[in-house]
Amino acid sequence: MVFLVEARQVLAHAERAAEAARNTASAAAPLRVGIIDSSYDSMPQILHEVQARYPGLVIHQVEASVPVQYQLLSDGRLDVGVGRAALAPPQIASMLFRQDPLGVLVPTSYPFAELDGVSVAALAREALLLAEEAWAPEFNQFTVEMCRAAGFTPTVYQGTVESIRAAASLVAAGRCLYCVPSSCIAALPGTTWRPLTGPASDYPWSVLWRAADDSGHVRAVVSCAKAMSKRLGWLTAASQPAAT
């Protein structure tokens, strides 16, 4: 019995020491995370879980386009990023964690706003807003390829944006429509989001990191992203949100 009590005390001391070591490491090595736009909700949710695991960890969020994230990761000025990995250079590793249903932002008074879903082909008659090419070439490419697969080349609105909120302002004013994933549809005044159908499209989100970086904090982000993806069904059809 005495041996059992002592063993438990040793284990408790070991756990406290390990926790202290984790907190010390967290304080000594801030995590630098790239995000595309604060309107997207995937990375904030992942970082919330990372912070819960490592309460002493200091996290710096850097808003940057995916091409800039690639450069910052390669240069060692960023630890983790997020975005579509299709154009990632060889030195950047990635893990797909979310297939995000794509939809279209329309003005609240627009006929499409009354529909349960909007066919991709219906966008052939609309002016579509694209992002600034230097800011989101991978998303522009995805949108154009989706339209071409539906049999048309999109009519591009003559103007670009570098944020979701700027796009929403143009949409709300009736200037154009904007294709955007479901993960950023909240709190965009004057607009309504409708899922795209015929066919439905999912935008692929991946965690990005330097392939040579095997640090604990990078592994923690990848682990949390994988766990959250499984828990919330981000890689399954269950992630399809209801139209709002």
Protein backbone atom coordinates (compact mmCIF):
# COMPACT_ATOMS: atom_id res chain seq x y z
CA MET A 1 0.00 0.00 0.00
CA VAL A 2 2.83 2.38 0.91
CA PHE A 3 4.52 1.53 -2.40
CA LEU A 4 1.30 2.39 -4.30
CA VAL A 5 1.01 5.79 -2.61
CA GLU A 6 4.65 6.57 -3.35
CA ALA A 7 4.25 5.49 -6.98
CA ARG A 8 1.28 7.80 -7.38
CA GLN A 9 3.26 10.66 -5.88
CA VAL A 10 6.13 10.02 -8.29
CA LEU A 11 3.72 10.02 -11.24
CA ALA A 12 2.10 13.23 -10.01
CA HIS A 13 5.51 14.92 -9.69
CA ALA A 14 6.47 13.72 -13.17
CA GLU A 15 3.25 15.11 -14.66
CA ARG A 16 3.76 18.49 -12.95
CA ALA A 17 7.34 18.59 -14.23
CA ALA A 18 6.19 17.76 -17.75
CA GLU A 19 3.52 20.47 -17.58
CA ALA A 20 6.08 22.99 -16.33
CA ALA A 21 8.39 22.01 -19.18
CA ARG A 22 5.59 22.47 -21.72
CA ASN A 23 4.73 25.89 -20.32
CA THR A 24 8.38 26.93 -20.30
CA ALA A 25 8.82 25.81 -23.89
CA SER A 26 5.62 27.62 -24.83
CA ALA A 27 6.83 30.85 -23.30
CA ALA A 28 10.22 30.57 -24.96
CA ALA A 29 9.01 29.80 -28.49
CA PRO A 30 6.07 31.86 -29.80
CA LEU A 31 4.00 30.29 -32.56
CA ARG A 32 3.78 32.43 -35.70
CA VAL A 33 0.66 31.61 -37.70
CA GLY A 34 -0.37 32.88 -41.11
CA ILE A 35 -4.05 33.55 -41.81
CA ILE A 36 -5.57 34.76 -45.07
CA ASP A 37 -8.46 36.83 -43.75
CA SER A 38 -9.89 37.20 -40.25
CA SER A 39 -13.36 36.43 -41.65
CA TYR A 40 -12.50 32.74 -42.14
CA ASP A 41 -13.20 30.63 -39.07
CA SER A 42 -11.09 27.47 -39.52
CA MET A 43 -7.72 28.59 -38.16
CA PRO A 44 -9.17 30.55 -35.19
CA GLN A 45 -10.97 27.37 -34.09
CA ILE A 46 -7.80 25.31 -34.45
CA LEU A 47 -5.72 27.87 -32.56
CA HIS A 48 -8.29 27.95 -29.76
CA GLU A 49 -7.71 24.22 -29.28
CA VAL A 50 -3.94 24.64 -29.48
CA GLN A 51 -4.12 27.37 -26.83
CA ALA A 52 -6.16 25.09 -24.57
CA ARG A 53 -3.43 22.43 -24.81
CA TYR A 54 -0.63 24.96 -24.30
CA PRO A 55 -2.05 27.78 -22.15
CA GLY A 56 1.36 29.46 -21.87
CA LEU A 57 1.94 29.53 -25.61
CA VAL A 58 2.20 32.97 -27.19
CA ILE A 59 0.57 32.99 -30.64
CA HIS A 60 1.24 35.69 -33.20
CA GLN A 61 -1.24 35.80 -36.11
CA VAL A 62 -0.02 37.32 -39.37
CA GLU A 63 -2.59 38.20 -42.05
CA ALA A 64 -0.98 37.33 -45.38
CA SER A 65 -1.89 35.90 -48.76
CA VAL A 66 -1.07 32.27 -49.44
CA PRO A 67 1.85 33.14 -51.78
CA VAL A 68 3.32 35.39 -49.08
CA GLN A 69 2.79 32.66 -46.49
CA TYR A 70 4.80 30.28 -48.68
CA GLN A 71 7.65 32.80 -48.72
CA LEU A 72 7.49 33.51 -44.99
CA LEU A 73 7.40 29.80 -44.19
CA SER A 74 10.37 29.12 -46.47
CA ASP A 75 12.33 31.97 -44.85
CA GLY A 76 11.57 30.74 -41.33
CA ARG A 77 9.56 33.86 -40.46
CA LEU A 78 6.32 31.88 -40.12
CA ASP A 79 5.74 28.51 -38.45
CA VAL A 80 2.33 27.52 -39.78
CA GLY A 81 -0.01 28.77 -42.49
CA VAL A 82 -3.38 27.92 -43.96
CA GLY A 83 -4.72 27.85 -47.51
CA ARG A 84 -5.17 25.81 -50.65
CA ALA A 85 -2.01 23.77 -51.11
CA ALA A 86 -2.28 23.21 -54.88
CA LEU A 87 0.48 25.72 -55.69
CA ALA A 88 2.75 24.98 -52.71
CA PRO A 89 6.50 24.81 -53.48
CA PRO A 90 8.36 21.56 -52.68
CA GLN A 91 9.76 22.84 -49.38
CA ILE A 92 6.24 23.38 -47.97
CA ALA A 93 4.41 20.43 -46.41
CA SER A 94 0.63 20.37 -46.11
CA MET A 95 -2.28 18.46 -44.63
CA LEU A 96 -5.82 18.76 -45.97
CA PHE A 97 -8.22 19.26 -43.07
CA ARG A 98 -11.38 20.80 -44.54
CA GLN A 99 -13.49 20.53 -47.67
CA ASP A 100 -15.42 23.78 -47.38
CA PRO A 101 -18.71 24.02 -49.33
CA LEU A 102 -18.50 26.84 -51.85
CA GLY A 103 -21.38 29.26 -52.24
CA VAL A 104 -22.11 32.69 -53.62
CA LEU A 105 -22.67 35.96 -51.81
CA VAL A 106 -25.63 37.88 -53.23
CA PRO A 107 -27.46 41.05 -52.10
CA THR A 108 -30.27 40.27 -49.66
CA SER A 109 -32.82 41.67 -52.15
CA TYR A 110 -31.49 39.60 -55.09
CA PRO A 111 -33.66 36.81 -56.59
CA PHE A 112 -30.97 34.22 -55.80
CA ALA A 113 -31.43 35.03 -52.11
CA GLU A 114 -34.79 33.23 -52.17
CA LEU A 115 -33.32 29.98 -53.51
CA ASP A 116 -32.10 27.00 -51.47
CA GLY A 117 -29.09 26.78 -53.81
CA VAL A 118 -27.71 28.45 -56.93
CA SER A 119 -26.48 26.40 -59.88
CA VAL A 120 -22.97 27.21 -61.07
CA ALA A 121 -24.36 27.61 -64.60
CA ALA A 122 -26.60 30.46 -63.40
CA LEU A 123 -23.47 32.50 -62.67
CA ALA A 124 -22.80 32.75 -66.43
CA ARG A 125 -25.16 35.73 -66.55
CA GLU A 126 -23.58 37.51 -63.58
CA ALA A 127 -20.54 39.71 -62.98
CA LEU A 128 -18.28 37.80 -60.61
CA LEU A 129 -15.83 39.54 -58.35
CA LEU A 130 -12.37 38.00 -58.05
CA ALA A 131 -9.71 38.71 -55.47
CA GLU A 132 -6.61 40.75 -56.21
CA GLU A 133 -4.50 38.25 -58.18
CA ALA A 134 -1.38 38.77 -56.08
CA TRP A 135 -3.48 38.20 -52.95
CA ALA A 136 -5.36 35.00 -53.81
CA PRO A 137 -4.30 33.47 -57.13
CA GLU A 138 -5.20 29.99 -55.88
CA PHE A 139 -8.79 31.02 -55.07
CA ASN A 140 -9.24 32.89 -58.35
CA GLN A 141 -7.98 29.81 -60.19
CA PHE A 142 -10.41 27.59 -58.31
CA THR A 143 -13.37 29.88 -59.13
CA VAL A 144 -12.51 30.18 -62.83
CA GLU A 145 -11.93 26.43 -63.18
CA MET A 146 -15.30 25.74 -61.52
CA CYS A 147 -17.07 28.02 -64.01
CA ARG A 148 -15.26 26.52 -67.00
CA ALA A 149 -16.20 23.03 -65.84
CA ALA A 150 -19.83 24.22 -65.96
CA GLY A 151 -19.35 25.29 -69.59
CA PHE A 152 -18.63 29.02 -69.46
CA THR A 153 -15.91 31.57 -68.83
CA PRO A 154 -17.02 33.95 -66.08
CA THR A 155 -17.69 37.62 -66.68
CA VAL A 156 -15.23 39.23 -64.30
CA TYR A 157 -16.15 42.42 -62.44
CA GLN A 158 -13.65 45.17 -63.23
CA GLY A 159 -12.26 45.69 -59.78
CA THR A 160 -10.66 43.51 -57.13
CA VAL A 161 -10.55 43.23 -53.34
CA GLU A 162 -8.14 41.98 -50.69
CA SER A 163 -10.65 41.07 -47.99
CA ILE A 164 -14.00 39.34 -47.57
CA ARG A 165 -15.55 42.42 -45.97
CA ALA A 166 -14.53 44.59 -48.91
CA ALA A 167 -16.10 42.03 -51.23
CA ALA A 168 -19.28 41.98 -49.18
CA SER A 169 -19.58 45.77 -49.46
CA LEU A 170 -19.50 45.56 -53.26
CA VAL A 171 -22.00 42.71 -53.27
CA ALA A 172 -24.36 44.53 -50.89
CA ALA A 173 -24.25 47.54 -53.22
CA GLY A 174 -25.41 45.33 -56.11
CA ARG A 175 -22.21 45.72 -58.10
CA CYS A 176 -21.32 42.02 -58.41
CA LEU A 177 -21.57 38.56 -56.87
CA TYR A 178 -18.76 36.79 -55.05
CA CYS A 179 -18.03 33.07 -54.69
CA VAL A 180 -16.85 32.26 -51.19
CA PRO A 181 -16.62 29.19 -48.90
CA SER A 182 -19.13 28.61 -46.12
CA SER A 183 -16.55 29.21 -43.38
CA CYS A 184 -16.81 32.99 -43.65
CA ILE A 185 -20.52 33.64 -44.18
CA ALA A 186 -21.27 35.12 -40.74
CA ALA A 187 -21.71 38.85 -40.08
CA LEU A 188 -21.59 40.17 -43.64
CA PRO A 189 -24.29 42.89 -43.65
CA GLY A 190 -26.47 43.35 -46.71
CA THR A 191 -25.59 39.97 -48.19
CA THR A 192 -26.97 36.45 -48.25
CA TRP A 193 -24.91 33.29 -48.84
CA ARG A 194 -26.32 30.49 -50.94
CA PRO A 195 -24.60 27.15 -51.63
CA LEU A 196 -23.57 26.43 -55.20
CA THR A 197 -25.06 23.36 -56.83
CA GLY A 198 -24.97 21.48 -60.13
CA PRO A 199 -22.32 20.50 -59.24
CA ALA A 200 -21.58 21.40 -55.66
CA SER A 201 -17.97 22.44 -55.08
CA ASP A 202 -15.81 22.24 -51.97
CA TYR A 203 -12.83 24.49 -51.37
CA PRO A 204 -9.84 22.56 -49.93
CA TRP A 205 -8.18 24.05 -46.84
CA SER A 206 -4.80 22.72 -45.71
CA VAL A 207 -2.44 23.43 -42.85
CA LEU A 208 0.90 24.56 -44.30
CA TRP A 209 4.32 24.32 -42.71
CA ARG A 210 8.00 24.11 -43.60
CA ALA A 211 8.72 20.47 -44.48
CA ALA A 212 11.98 20.53 -42.50
CA ASP A 213 10.27 21.86 -39.35
CA ASP A 214 9.44 19.07 -36.91
CA SER A 215 8.93 21.30 -33.87
CA GLY A 216 6.43 20.43 -31.18
CA HIS A 217 4.25 23.45 -31.82
CA VAL A 218 3.91 22.71 -35.51
CA ARG A 219 2.99 19.12 -34.66
CA ALA A 220 0.46 20.45 -32.14
CA VAL A 221 -1.28 22.59 -34.78
CA VAL A 222 -1.39 19.69 -37.26
CA SER A 223 -2.69 17.35 -34.54
CA CYS A 224 -5.40 19.81 -33.45
CA ALA A 225 -6.44 20.43 -37.07
CA LYS A 226 -6.71 16.68 -37.67
CA ALA A 227 -8.74 16.13 -34.47
CA MET A 228 -11.07 19.06 -35.14
CA SER A 229 -11.57 17.99 -38.74
CA LYS A 230 -12.66 14.55 -37.59
CA ARG A 231 -14.87 15.85 -34.78
CA LEU A 232 -16.67 18.44 -36.94
CA GLY A 233 -16.84 16.32 -40.09
CA TRP A 234 -14.91 18.85 -42.15
CA LEU A 235 -13.86 16.23 -44.71
CA THR A 236 -17.34 14.75 -45.12
CA ALA A 237 -20.64 15.81 -46.63
CA ALA A 238 -21.84 16.46 -43.07
CA SER A 239 -19.93 19.75 -43.15
CA GLN A 240 -22.47 21.17 -45.64
CA PRO A 241 -24.18 24.04 -43.78
CA ALA A 242 -27.86 24.80 -44.03
CA ALA A 243 -28.73 27.77 -46.23
CA THR A 244 -29.23 30.95 -44.19
